[in-house]
Amino acid sequence: RPDLGVLRRAGATTRQLLRYAAAETLLVVVLGAGLGLAVTVPPLL
């Protein structure tokens, strides 16, 4: 919340904050899926 407040005072719109949160979350999901496959496939092989 404090970081969001700073970004809002710096001129960020709500839409920009939401896009940032969505992009960050997508990055975490993609990295998690990639790491999950990297950890799972070699033992299965």
ModelCIF file with pLDDT and N, C-alpha, C, O atoms, coordinates in Angstrom:
data_MODEL
#
_entry.id   MODEL 
#
_entity.id                         1 
_entity.type                       polymer 
_entity.pdbx_number_of_molecules   1 
#
_entity_poly.entity_id                      1 
_entity_poly.type                           'polypeptide(L)' 
_entity_poly.nstd_linkage                   no 
_entity_poly.nstd_monomer                   no 
_entity_poly.pdbx_seq_one_letter_code       RPDLGVLRRAGATTRQLLRYAAAETLLVVVLGAGLGLAVTVPPLL 
_entity_poly.pdbx_seq_one_letter_code_can   RPDLGVLRRAGATTRQLLRYAAAETLLVVVLGAGLGLAVTVPPLL 
_entity_poly.pdbx_strand_id                 A 
#
loop_
_entity_poly_seq.entity_id 
_entity_poly_seq.num 
_entity_poly_seq.mon_id 
_entity_poly_seq.hetero 
1 1  ARG n 
1 2  PRO n 
1 3  ASP n 
1 4  LEU n 
1 5  GLY n 
1 6  VAL n 
1 7  LEU n 
1 8  ARG n 
1 9  ARG n 
1 10 ALA n 
1 11 GLY n 
1 12 ALA n 
1 13 THR n 
1 14 THR n 
1 15 ARG n 
1 16 GLN n 
1 17 LEU n 
1 18 LEU n 
1 19 ARG n 
1 20 TYR n 
1 21 ALA n 
1 22 ALA n 
1 23 ALA n 
1 24 GLU n 
1 25 THR n 
1 26 LEU n 
1 27 LEU n 
1 28 VAL n 
1 29 VAL n 
1 30 VAL n 
1 31 LEU n 
1 32 GLY n 
1 33 ALA n 
1 34 GLY n 
1 35 LEU n 
1 36 GLY n 
1 37 LEU n 
1 38 ALA n 
1 39 VAL n 
1 40 THR n 
1 41 VAL n 
1 42 PRO n 
1 43 PRO n 
1 44 LEU n 
1 45 LEU n 
#
_struct_asym.id          A 
_struct_asym.entity_id   1 
#
loop_
_ma_qa_metric.id 
_ma_qa_metric.mode 
_ma_qa_metric.name 
_ma_qa_metric.software_group_id 
_ma_qa_metric.type 
1 global pLDDT . pLDDT 
2 local  pLDDT . pLDDT 
#
_ma_qa_metric_global.metric_id      1 
_ma_qa_metric_global.metric_value   91.78 
_ma_qa_metric_global.model_id       1 
_ma_qa_metric_global.ordinal_id     1 
#
loop_
_ma_qa_metric_local.label_asym_id 
_ma_qa_metric_local.label_comp_id 
_ma_qa_metric_local.label_seq_id 
_ma_qa_metric_local.metric_id 
_ma_qa_metric_local.metric_value 
_ma_qa_metric_local.model_id 
_ma_qa_metric_local.ordinal_id 
A ARG 1  2 81.00 1 1  
A PRO 2  2 84.00 1 2  
A ASP 3  2 84.00 1 3  
A LEU 4  2 84.00 1 4  
A GLY 5  2 83.00 1 5  
A VAL 6  2 87.00 1 6  
A LEU 7  2 87.00 1 7  
A ARG 8  2 85.00 1 8  
A ARG 9  2 87.00 1 9  
A ALA 10 2 91.00 1 10 
A GLY 11 2 90.00 1 11 
A ALA 12 2 87.00 1 12 
A THR 13 2 90.00 1 13 
A THR 14 2 88.00 1 14 
A ARG 15 2 93.00 1 15 
A GLN 16 2 93.00 1 16 
A LEU 17 2 91.00 1 17 
A LEU 18 2 93.00 1 18 
A ARG 19 2 95.00 1 19 
A TYR 20 2 92.00 1 20 
A ALA 21 2 91.00 1 21 
A ALA 22 2 95.00 1 22 
A ALA 23 2 95.00 1 23 
A GLU 24 2 93.00 1 24 
A THR 25 2 95.00 1 25 
A LEU 26 2 96.00 1 26 
A LEU 27 2 97.00 1 27 
A VAL 28 2 96.00 1 28 
A VAL 29 2 96.00 1 29 
A VAL 30 2 96.00 1 30 
A LEU 31 2 97.00 1 31 
A GLY 32 2 96.00 1 32 
A ALA 33 2 95.00 1 33 
A GLY 34 2 95.00 1 34 
A LEU 35 2 97.00 1 35 
A GLY 36 2 95.00 1 36 
A LEU 37 2 92.00 1 37 
A ALA 38 2 95.00 1 38 
A VAL 39 2 96.00 1 39 
A THR 40 2 93.00 1 40 
A VAL 41 2 92.00 1 41 
A PRO 42 2 93.00 1 42 
A PRO 43 2 94.00 1 43 
A LEU 44 2 92.00 1 44 
A LEU 45 2 93.00 1 45 
#
loop_
_atom_site.group_PDB 
_atom_site.id 
_atom_site.type_symbol 
_atom_site.label_atom_id 
_atom_site.label_alt_id 
_atom_site.label_comp_id 
_atom_site.label_asym_id 
_atom_site.label_entity_id 
_atom_site.label_seq_id 
_atom_site.pdbx_PDB_ins_code 
_atom_site.Cartn_x 
_atom_site.Cartn_y 
_atom_site.Cartn_z 
_atom_site.occupancy 
_atom_site.B_iso_or_equiv 
_atom_site.pdbx_formal_charge 
_atom_site.auth_seq_id 
_atom_site.auth_comp_id 
_atom_site.auth_asym_id 
_atom_site.auth_atom_id 
_atom_site.pdbx_PDB_model_num 
ATOM 1   N N  . ARG A 1 1  ? 0.811  -1.214  0.000   1.00 81.00 ? 1  ARG A N  1 
ATOM 2   C CA . ARG A 1 1  ? 0.000  0.000   0.000   1.00 81.00 ? 1  ARG A CA 1 
ATOM 3   C C  . ARG A 1 1  ? 0.848  1.269   0.000   1.00 81.00 ? 1  ARG A C  1 
ATOM 4   O O  . ARG A 1 1  ? 0.547  2.187   -0.762  1.00 81.00 ? 1  ARG A O  1 
ATOM 5   N N  . PRO A 1 2  ? 1.901  1.360   0.827   1.00 84.00 ? 2  PRO A N  1 
ATOM 6   C CA . PRO A 1 2  ? 2.732  2.570   0.774   1.00 84.00 ? 2  PRO A CA 1 
ATOM 7   C C  . PRO A 1 2  ? 3.393  2.762   -0.600  1.00 84.00 ? 2  PRO A C  1 
ATOM 8   O O  . PRO A 1 2  ? 3.491  3.883   -1.098  1.00 84.00 ? 2  PRO A O  1 
ATOM 9   N N  . ASP A 1 3  ? 3.840  1.662   -1.198  1.00 84.00 ? 3  ASP A N  1 
ATOM 10  C CA . ASP A 1 3  ? 4.453  1.757   -2.526  1.00 84.00 ? 3  ASP A CA 1 
ATOM 11  C C  . ASP A 1 3  ? 3.438  2.209   -3.569  1.00 84.00 ? 3  ASP A C  1 
ATOM 12  O O  . ASP A 1 3  ? 3.748  3.012   -4.449  1.00 84.00 ? 3  ASP A O  1 
ATOM 13  N N  . LEU A 1 4  ? 2.225  1.682   -3.458  1.00 84.00 ? 4  LEU A N  1 
ATOM 14  C CA . LEU A 1 4  ? 1.180  2.088   -4.401  1.00 84.00 ? 4  LEU A CA 1 
ATOM 15  C C  . LEU A 1 4  ? 0.850  3.569   -4.232  1.00 84.00 ? 4  LEU A C  1 
ATOM 16  O O  . LEU A 1 4  ? 0.602  4.278   -5.208  1.00 84.00 ? 4  LEU A O  1 
ATOM 17  N N  . GLY A 1 5  ? 0.851  4.025   -2.980  1.00 83.00 ? 5  GLY A N  1 
ATOM 18  C CA . GLY A 1 5  ? 0.610  5.446   -2.728  1.00 83.00 ? 5  GLY A CA 1 
ATOM 19  C C  . GLY A 1 5  ? 1.675  6.324   -3.358  1.00 83.00 ? 5  GLY A C  1 
ATOM 20  O O  . GLY A 1 5  ? 1.370  7.373   -3.925  1.00 83.00 ? 5  GLY A O  1 
ATOM 21  N N  . VAL A 1 6  ? 2.928  5.891   -3.257  1.00 87.00 ? 6  VAL A N  1 
ATOM 22  C CA . VAL A 1 6  ? 4.021  6.654   -3.873  1.00 87.00 ? 6  VAL A CA 1 
ATOM 23  C C  . VAL A 1 6  ? 3.865  6.682   -5.393  1.00 87.00 ? 6  VAL A C  1 
ATOM 24  O O  . VAL A 1 6  ? 4.034  7.726   -6.023  1.00 87.00 ? 6  VAL A O  1 
ATOM 25  N N  . LEU A 1 7  ? 3.545  5.544   -5.964  1.00 87.00 ? 7  LEU A N  1 
ATOM 26  C CA . LEU A 1 7  ? 3.351  5.494   -7.416  1.00 87.00 ? 7  LEU A CA 1 
ATOM 27  C C  . LEU A 1 7  ? 2.177  6.376   -7.852  1.00 87.00 ? 7  LEU A C  1 
ATOM 28  O O  . LEU A 1 7  ? 2.241  7.033   -8.891  1.00 87.00 ? 7  LEU A O  1 
ATOM 29  N N  . ARG A 1 8  ? 1.114  6.387   -7.058  1.00 85.00 ? 8  ARG A N  1 
ATOM 30  C CA . ARG A 1 8  ? -0.046 7.243   -7.375  1.00 85.00 ? 8  ARG A CA 1 
ATOM 31  C C  . ARG A 1 8  ? 0.347  8.714   -7.320  1.00 85.00 ? 8  ARG A C  1 
ATOM 32  O O  . ARG A 1 8  ? -0.022 9.490   -8.201  1.00 85.00 ? 8  ARG A O  1 
ATOM 33  N N  . ARG A 1 9  ? 1.106  9.106   -6.272  1.00 87.00 ? 9  ARG A N  1 
ATOM 34  C CA . ARG A 1 9  ? 1.539  10.503  -6.160  1.00 87.00 ? 9  ARG A CA 1 
ATOM 35  C C  . ARG A 1 9  ? 2.518  10.879  -7.271  1.00 87.00 ? 9  ARG A C  1 
ATOM 36  O O  . ARG A 1 9  ? 2.627  12.047  -7.644  1.00 87.00 ? 9  ARG A O  1 
ATOM 37  N N  . ALA A 1 10 ? 3.228  9.877   -7.797  1.00 91.00 ? 10 ALA A N  1 
ATOM 38  C CA . ALA A 1 10 ? 4.164  10.129  -8.895  1.00 91.00 ? 10 ALA A CA 1 
ATOM 39  C C  . ALA A 1 10 ? 3.447  10.204  -10.239 1.00 91.00 ? 10 ALA A C  1 
ATOM 40  O O  . ALA A 1 10 ? 4.071  10.501  -11.258 1.00 91.00 ? 10 ALA A O  1 
ATOM 41  N N  . GLY A 1 11 ? 2.142  9.937   -10.248 1.00 90.00 ? 11 GLY A N  1 
ATOM 42  C CA . GLY A 1 11 ? 1.365  10.091  -11.476 1.00 90.00 ? 11 GLY A CA 1 
ATOM 43  C C  . GLY A 1 11 ? 0.851  8.809   -12.098 1.00 90.00 ? 11 GLY A C  1 
ATOM 44  O O  . GLY A 1 11 ? 0.235  8.850   -13.163 1.00 90.00 ? 11 GLY A O  1 
ATOM 45  N N  . ALA A 1 12 ? 1.085  7.678   -11.468 1.00 87.00 ? 12 ALA A N  1 
ATOM 46  C CA . ALA A 1 12 ? 0.595  6.418   -12.023 1.00 87.00 ? 12 ALA A CA 1 
ATOM 47  C C  . ALA A 1 12 ? -0.922 6.343   -11.903 1.00 87.00 ? 12 ALA A C  1 
ATOM 48  O O  . ALA A 1 12 ? -1.493 6.709   -10.875 1.00 87.00 ? 12 ALA A O  1 
ATOM 49  N N  . THR A 1 13 ? -1.553 5.875   -12.942 1.00 90.00 ? 13 THR A N  1 
ATOM 50  C CA . THR A 1 13 ? -3.002 5.692   -12.917 1.00 90.00 ? 13 THR A CA 1 
ATOM 51  C C  . THR A 1 13 ? -3.323 4.320   -12.321 1.00 90.00 ? 13 THR A C  1 
ATOM 52  O O  . THR A 1 13 ? -2.458 3.451   -12.212 1.00 90.00 ? 13 THR A O  1 
ATOM 53  N N  . THR A 1 14 ? -4.568 4.155   -11.946 1.00 88.00 ? 14 THR A N  1 
ATOM 54  C CA . THR A 1 14 ? -4.990 2.855   -11.418 1.00 88.00 ? 14 THR A CA 1 
ATOM 55  C C  . THR A 1 14 ? -4.789 1.773   -12.462 1.00 88.00 ? 14 THR A C  1 
ATOM 56  O O  . THR A 1 14 ? -4.383 0.658   -12.137 1.00 88.00 ? 14 THR A O  1 
ATOM 57  N N  . ARG A 1 15 ? -5.069 2.096   -13.701 1.00 93.00 ? 15 ARG A N  1 
ATOM 58  C CA . ARG A 1 15 ? -4.898 1.127   -14.787 1.00 93.00 ? 15 ARG A CA 1 
ATOM 59  C C  . ARG A 1 15 ? -3.434 0.685   -14.908 1.00 93.00 ? 15 ARG A C  1 
ATOM 60  O O  . ARG A 1 15 ? -3.161 -0.494  -15.129 1.00 93.00 ? 15 ARG A O  1 
ATOM 61  N N  . GLN A 1 16 ? -2.507 1.613   -14.766 1.00 93.00 ? 16 GLN A N  1 
ATOM 62  C CA . GLN A 1 16 ? -1.082 1.274   -14.827 1.00 93.00 ? 16 GLN A CA 1 
ATOM 63  C C  . GLN A 1 16 ? -0.680 0.382   -13.657 1.00 93.00 ? 16 GLN A C  1 
ATOM 64  O O  . GLN A 1 16 ? 0.092  -0.561  -13.831 1.00 93.00 ? 16 GLN A O  1 
ATOM 65  N N  . LEU A 1 17 ? -1.193 0.671   -12.481 1.00 91.00 ? 17 LEU A N  1 
ATOM 66  C CA . LEU A 1 17 ? -0.893 -0.172  -11.320 1.00 91.00 ? 17 LEU A CA 1 
ATOM 67  C C  . LEU A 1 17 ? -1.427 -1.589  -11.509 1.00 91.00 ? 17 LEU A C  1 
ATOM 68  O O  . LEU A 1 17 ? -0.765 -2.567  -11.158 1.00 91.00 ? 17 LEU A O  1 
ATOM 69  N N  . LEU A 1 18 ? -2.619 -1.684  -12.064 1.00 93.00 ? 18 LEU A N  1 
ATOM 70  C CA . LEU A 1 18 ? -3.222 -3.002  -12.277 1.00 93.00 ? 18 LEU A CA 1 
ATOM 71  C C  . LEU A 1 18 ? -2.474 -3.788  -13.347 1.00 93.00 ? 18 LEU A C  1 
ATOM 72  O O  . LEU A 1 18 ? -2.282 -4.997  -13.212 1.00 93.00 ? 18 LEU A O  1 
ATOM 73  N N  . ARG A 1 19 ? -2.049 -3.104  -14.415 1.00 95.00 ? 19 ARG A N  1 
ATOM 74  C CA . ARG A 1 19 ? -1.267 -3.780  -15.456 1.00 95.00 ? 19 ARG A CA 1 
ATOM 75  C C  . ARG A 1 19 ? 0.063  -4.269  -14.901 1.00 95.00 ? 19 ARG A C  1 
ATOM 76  O O  . ARG A 1 19 ? 0.515  -5.366  -15.229 1.00 95.00 ? 19 ARG A O  1 
ATOM 77  N N  . TYR A 1 20 ? 0.685  -3.456  -14.065 1.00 92.00 ? 20 TYR A N  1 
ATOM 78  C CA . TYR A 1 20 ? 1.945  -3.849  -13.439 1.00 92.00 ? 20 TYR A CA 1 
ATOM 79  C C  . TYR A 1 20 ? 1.747  -5.089  -12.573 1.00 92.00 ? 20 TYR A C  1 
ATOM 80  O O  . TYR A 1 20 ? 2.547  -6.023  -12.634 1.00 92.00 ? 20 TYR A O  1 
ATOM 81  N N  . ALA A 1 21 ? 0.704  -5.103  -11.780 1.00 91.00 ? 21 ALA A N  1 
ATOM 82  C CA . ALA A 1 21 ? 0.429  -6.256  -10.923 1.00 91.00 ? 21 ALA A CA 1 
ATOM 83  C C  . ALA A 1 21 ? 0.155  -7.501  -11.764 1.00 91.00 ? 21 ALA A C  1 
ATOM 84  O O  . ALA A 1 21 ? 0.612  -8.594  -11.428 1.00 91.00 ? 21 ALA A O  1 
ATOM 85  N N  . ALA A 1 22 ? -0.587 -7.336  -12.852 1.00 95.00 ? 22 ALA A N  1 
ATOM 86  C CA . ALA A 1 22 ? -0.896 -8.475  -13.721 1.00 95.00 ? 22 ALA A CA 1 
ATOM 87  C C  . ALA A 1 22 ? 0.367  -9.007  -14.394 1.00 95.00 ? 22 ALA A C  1 
ATOM 88  O O  . ALA A 1 22 ? 0.570  -10.219 -14.466 1.00 95.00 ? 22 ALA A O  1 
ATOM 89  N N  . ALA A 1 23 ? 1.213  -8.107  -14.884 1.00 95.00 ? 23 ALA A N  1 
ATOM 90  C CA . ALA A 1 23 ? 2.449  -8.540  -15.544 1.00 95.00 ? 23 ALA A CA 1 
ATOM 91  C C  . ALA A 1 23 ? 3.387  -9.233  -14.564 1.00 95.00 ? 23 ALA A C  1 
ATOM 92  O O  . ALA A 1 23 ? 4.004  -10.245 -14.897 1.00 95.00 ? 23 ALA A O  1 
ATOM 93  N N  . GLU A 1 24 ? 3.491  -8.696  -13.374 1.00 93.00 ? 24 GLU A N  1 
ATOM 94  C CA . GLU A 1 24 ? 4.350  -9.299  -12.360 1.00 93.00 ? 24 GLU A CA 1 
ATOM 95  C C  . GLU A 1 24 ? 3.841  -10.695 -11.989 1.00 93.00 ? 24 GLU A C  1 
ATOM 96  O O  . GLU A 1 24 ? 4.627  -11.630 -11.837 1.00 93.00 ? 24 GLU A O  1 
ATOM 97  N N  . THR A 1 25 ? 2.539  -10.824 -11.847 1.00 95.00 ? 25 THR A N  1 
ATOM 98  C CA . THR A 1 25 ? 1.949  -12.122 -11.503 1.00 95.00 ? 25 THR A CA 1 
ATOM 99  C C  . THR A 1 25 ? 2.149  -13.130 -12.630 1.00 95.00 ? 25 THR A C  1 
ATOM 100 O O  . THR A 1 25 ? 2.458  -14.294 -12.376 1.00 95.00 ? 25 THR A O  1 
ATOM 101 N N  . LEU A 1 26 ? 1.975  -12.686 -13.875 1.00 96.00 ? 26 LEU A N  1 
ATOM 102 C CA . LEU A 1 26 ? 2.185  -13.582 -15.008 1.00 96.00 ? 26 LEU A CA 1 
ATOM 103 C C  . LEU A 1 26 ? 3.635  -14.055 -15.051 1.00 96.00 ? 26 LEU A C  1 
ATOM 104 O O  . LEU A 1 26 ? 3.899  -15.225 -15.330 1.00 96.00 ? 26 LEU A O  1 
ATOM 105 N N  . LEU A 1 27 ? 4.564  -13.163 -14.778 1.00 97.00 ? 27 LEU A N  1 
ATOM 106 C CA . LEU A 1 27 ? 5.974  -13.542 -14.750 1.00 97.00 ? 27 LEU A CA 1 
ATOM 107 C C  . LEU A 1 27 ? 6.229  -14.617 -13.693 1.00 97.00 ? 27 LEU A C  1 
ATOM 108 O O  . LEU A 1 27 ? 6.954  -15.580 -13.945 1.00 97.00 ? 27 LEU A O  1 
ATOM 109 N N  . VAL A 1 28 ? 5.644  -14.454 -12.533 1.00 96.00 ? 28 VAL A N  1 
ATOM 110 C CA . VAL A 1 28 ? 5.828  -15.437 -11.449 1.00 96.00 ? 28 VAL A CA 1 
ATOM 111 C C  . VAL A 1 28 ? 5.231  -16.793 -11.848 1.00 96.00 ? 28 VAL A C  1 
ATOM 112 O O  . VAL A 1 28 ? 5.833  -17.834 -11.585 1.00 96.00 ? 28 VAL A O  1 
ATOM 113 N N  . VAL A 1 29 ? 4.061  -16.784 -12.476 1.00 96.00 ? 29 VAL A N  1 
ATOM 114 C CA . VAL A 1 29 ? 3.426  -18.043 -12.890 1.00 96.00 ? 29 VAL A CA 1 
ATOM 115 C C  . VAL A 1 29 ? 4.263  -18.739 -13.963 1.00 96.00 ? 29 VAL A C  1 
ATOM 116 O O  . VAL A 1 29 ? 4.454  -19.954 -13.909 1.00 96.00 ? 29 VAL A O  1 
ATOM 117 N N  . VAL A 1 30 ? 4.761  -17.980 -14.933 1.00 96.00 ? 30 VAL A N  1 
ATOM 118 C CA . VAL A 1 30 ? 5.565  -18.574 -16.003 1.00 96.00 ? 30 VAL A CA 1 
ATOM 119 C C  . VAL A 1 30 ? 6.868  -19.145 -15.444 1.00 96.00 ? 30 VAL A C  1 
ATOM 120 O O  . VAL A 1 30 ? 7.268  -20.252 -15.802 1.00 96.00 ? 30 VAL A O  1 
ATOM 121 N N  . LEU A 1 31 ? 7.521  -18.392 -14.574 1.00 97.00 ? 31 LEU A N  1 
ATOM 122 C CA . LEU A 1 31 ? 8.748  -18.909 -13.952 1.00 97.00 ? 31 LEU A CA 1 
ATOM 123 C C  . LEU A 1 31 ? 8.464  -20.153 -13.115 1.00 97.00 ? 31 LEU A C  1 
ATOM 124 O O  . LEU A 1 31 ? 9.234  -21.114 -13.147 1.00 97.00 ? 31 LEU A O  1 
ATOM 125 N N  . GLY A 1 32 ? 7.372  -20.138 -12.374 1.00 96.00 ? 32 GLY A N  1 
ATOM 126 C CA . GLY A 1 32 ? 7.007  -21.300 -11.559 1.00 96.00 ? 32 GLY A CA 1 
ATOM 127 C C  . GLY A 1 32 ? 6.720  -22.526 -12.406 1.00 96.00 ? 32 GLY A C  1 
ATOM 128 O O  . GLY A 1 32 ? 7.136  -23.633 -12.064 1.00 96.00 ? 32 GLY A O  1 
ATOM 129 N N  . ALA A 1 33 ? 6.009  -22.334 -13.509 1.00 95.00 ? 33 ALA A N  1 
ATOM 130 C CA . ALA A 1 33 ? 5.708  -23.458 -14.398 1.00 95.00 ? 33 ALA A CA 1 
ATOM 131 C C  . ALA A 1 33 ? 6.983  -23.997 -15.039 1.00 95.00 ? 33 ALA A C  1 
ATOM 132 O O  . ALA A 1 33 ? 7.166  -25.210 -15.141 1.00 95.00 ? 33 ALA A O  1 
ATOM 133 N N  . GLY A 1 34 ? 7.855  -23.105 -15.465 1.00 95.00 ? 34 GLY A N  1 
ATOM 134 C CA . GLY A 1 34 ? 9.117  -23.537 -16.065 1.00 95.00 ? 34 GLY A CA 1 
ATOM 135 C C  . GLY A 1 34 ? 9.991  -24.288 -15.080 1.00 95.00 ? 34 GLY A C  1 
ATOM 136 O O  . GLY A 1 34 ? 10.558 -25.330 -15.409 1.00 95.00 ? 34 GLY A O  1 
ATOM 137 N N  . LEU A 1 35 ? 10.098 -23.755 -13.867 1.00 97.00 ? 35 LEU A N  1 
ATOM 138 C CA . LEU A 1 35 ? 10.887 -24.444 -12.841 1.00 97.00 ? 35 LEU A CA 1 
ATOM 139 C C  . LEU A 1 35 ? 10.251 -25.778 -12.456 1.00 97.00 ? 35 LEU A C  1 
ATOM 140 O O  . LEU A 1 35 ? 10.949 -26.763 -12.214 1.00 97.00 ? 35 LEU A O  1 
ATOM 141 N N  . GLY A 1 36 ? 8.928  -25.798 -12.402 1.00 95.00 ? 36 GLY A N  1 
ATOM 142 C CA . GLY A 1 36 ? 8.234  -27.049 -12.085 1.00 95.00 ? 36 GLY A CA 1 
ATOM 143 C C  . GLY A 1 36 ? 8.517  -28.131 -13.119 1.00 95.00 ? 36 GLY A C  1 
ATOM 144 O O  . GLY A 1 36 ? 8.763  -29.285 -12.769 1.00 95.00 ? 36 GLY A O  1 
ATOM 145 N N  . LEU A 1 37 ? 8.480  -27.754 -14.392 1.00 92.00 ? 37 LEU A N  1 
ATOM 146 C CA . LEU A 1 37 ? 8.799  -28.725 -15.442 1.00 92.00 ? 37 LEU A CA 1 
ATOM 147 C C  . LEU A 1 37 ? 10.272 -29.131 -15.387 1.00 92.00 ? 37 LEU A C  1 
ATOM 148 O O  . LEU A 1 37 ? 10.606 -30.300 -15.576 1.00 92.00 ? 37 LEU A O  1 
ATOM 149 N N  . ALA A 1 38 ? 11.148 -28.160 -15.128 1.00 95.00 ? 38 ALA A N  1 
ATOM 150 C CA . ALA A 1 38 ? 12.579 -28.461 -15.065 1.00 95.00 ? 38 ALA A CA 1 
ATOM 151 C C  . ALA A 1 38 ? 12.915 -29.416 -13.923 1.00 95.00 ? 38 ALA A C  1 
ATOM 152 O O  . ALA A 1 38 ? 13.847 -30.213 -14.025 1.00 95.00 ? 38 ALA A O  1 
ATOM 153 N N  . VAL A 1 39 ? 12.157 -29.331 -12.846 1.00 96.00 ? 39 VAL A N  1 
ATOM 154 C CA . VAL A 1 39 ? 12.410 -30.197 -11.691 1.00 96.00 ? 39 VAL A CA 1 
ATOM 155 C C  . VAL A 1 39 ? 11.724 -31.558 -11.859 1.00 96.00 ? 39 VAL A C  1 
ATOM 156 O O  . VAL A 1 39 ? 12.190 -32.558 -11.313 1.00 96.00 ? 39 VAL A O  1 
ATOM 157 N N  . THR A 1 40 ? 10.636 -31.598 -12.602 1.00 93.00 ? 40 THR A N  1 
ATOM 158 C CA . THR A 1 40 ? 9.843  -32.817 -12.712 1.00 93.00 ? 40 THR A CA 1 
ATOM 159 C C  . THR A 1 40 ? 10.294 -33.743 -13.836 1.00 93.00 ? 40 THR A C  1 
ATOM 160 O O  . THR A 1 40 ? 10.336 -34.960 -13.654 1.00 93.00 ? 40 THR A O  1 
ATOM 161 N N  . VAL A 1 41 ? 10.627 -33.187 -14.982 1.00 92.00 ? 41 VAL A N  1 
ATOM 162 C CA . VAL A 1 41 ? 10.907 -34.016 -16.157 1.00 92.00 ? 41 VAL A CA 1 
ATOM 163 C C  . VAL A 1 41 ? 12.152 -34.899 -15.994 1.00 92.00 ? 41 VAL A C  1 
ATOM 164 O O  . VAL A 1 41 ? 12.073 -36.083 -16.324 1.00 92.00 ? 41 VAL A O  1 
ATOM 165 N N  . PRO A 1 42 ? 13.296 -34.399 -15.507 1.00 93.00 ? 42 PRO A N  1 
ATOM 166 C CA . PRO A 1 42 ? 14.461 -35.295 -15.393 1.00 93.00 ? 42 PRO A CA 1 
ATOM 167 C C  . PRO A 1 42 ? 14.220 -36.537 -14.521 1.00 93.00 ? 42 PRO A C  1 
ATOM 168 O O  . PRO A 1 42 ? 14.605 -37.632 -14.930 1.00 93.00 ? 42 PRO A O  1 
ATOM 169 N N  . PRO A 1 43 ? 13.605 -36.415 -13.346 1.00 94.00 ? 43 PRO A N  1 
ATOM 170 C CA . PRO A 1 43 ? 13.338 -37.657 -12.589 1.00 94.00 ? 43 PRO A CA 1 
ATOM 171 C C  . PRO A 1 43 ? 12.384 -38.608 -13.317 1.00 94.00 ? 43 PRO A C  1 
ATOM 172 O O  . PRO A 1 43 ? 12.532 -39.827 -13.233 1.00 94.00 ? 43 PRO A O  1 
ATOM 173 N N  . LEU A 1 44 ? 11.413 -38.050 -14.026 1.00 92.00 ? 44 LEU A N  1 
ATOM 174 C CA . LEU A 1 44 ? 10.502 -38.914 -14.780 1.00 92.00 ? 44 LEU A CA 1 
ATOM 175 C C  . LEU A 1 44 ? 11.235 -39.648 -15.895 1.00 92.00 ? 44 LEU A C  1 
ATOM 176 O O  . LEU A 1 44 ? 10.963 -40.819 -16.160 1.00 92.00 ? 44 LEU A O  1 
ATOM 177 N N  . LEU A 1 45 ? 12.165 -38.956 -16.546 1.00 93.00 ? 45 LEU A N  1 
ATOM 178 C CA . LEU A 1 45 ? 12.964 -39.618 -17.583 1.00 93.00 ? 45 LEU A CA 1 
ATOM 179 C C  . LEU A 1 45 ? 13.825 -40.721 -16.971 1.00 93.00 ? 45 LEU A C  1 
ATOM 180 O O  . LEU A 1 45 ? 14.568 -41.392 -17.687 1.00 93.00 ? 45 LEU A O  1 
#
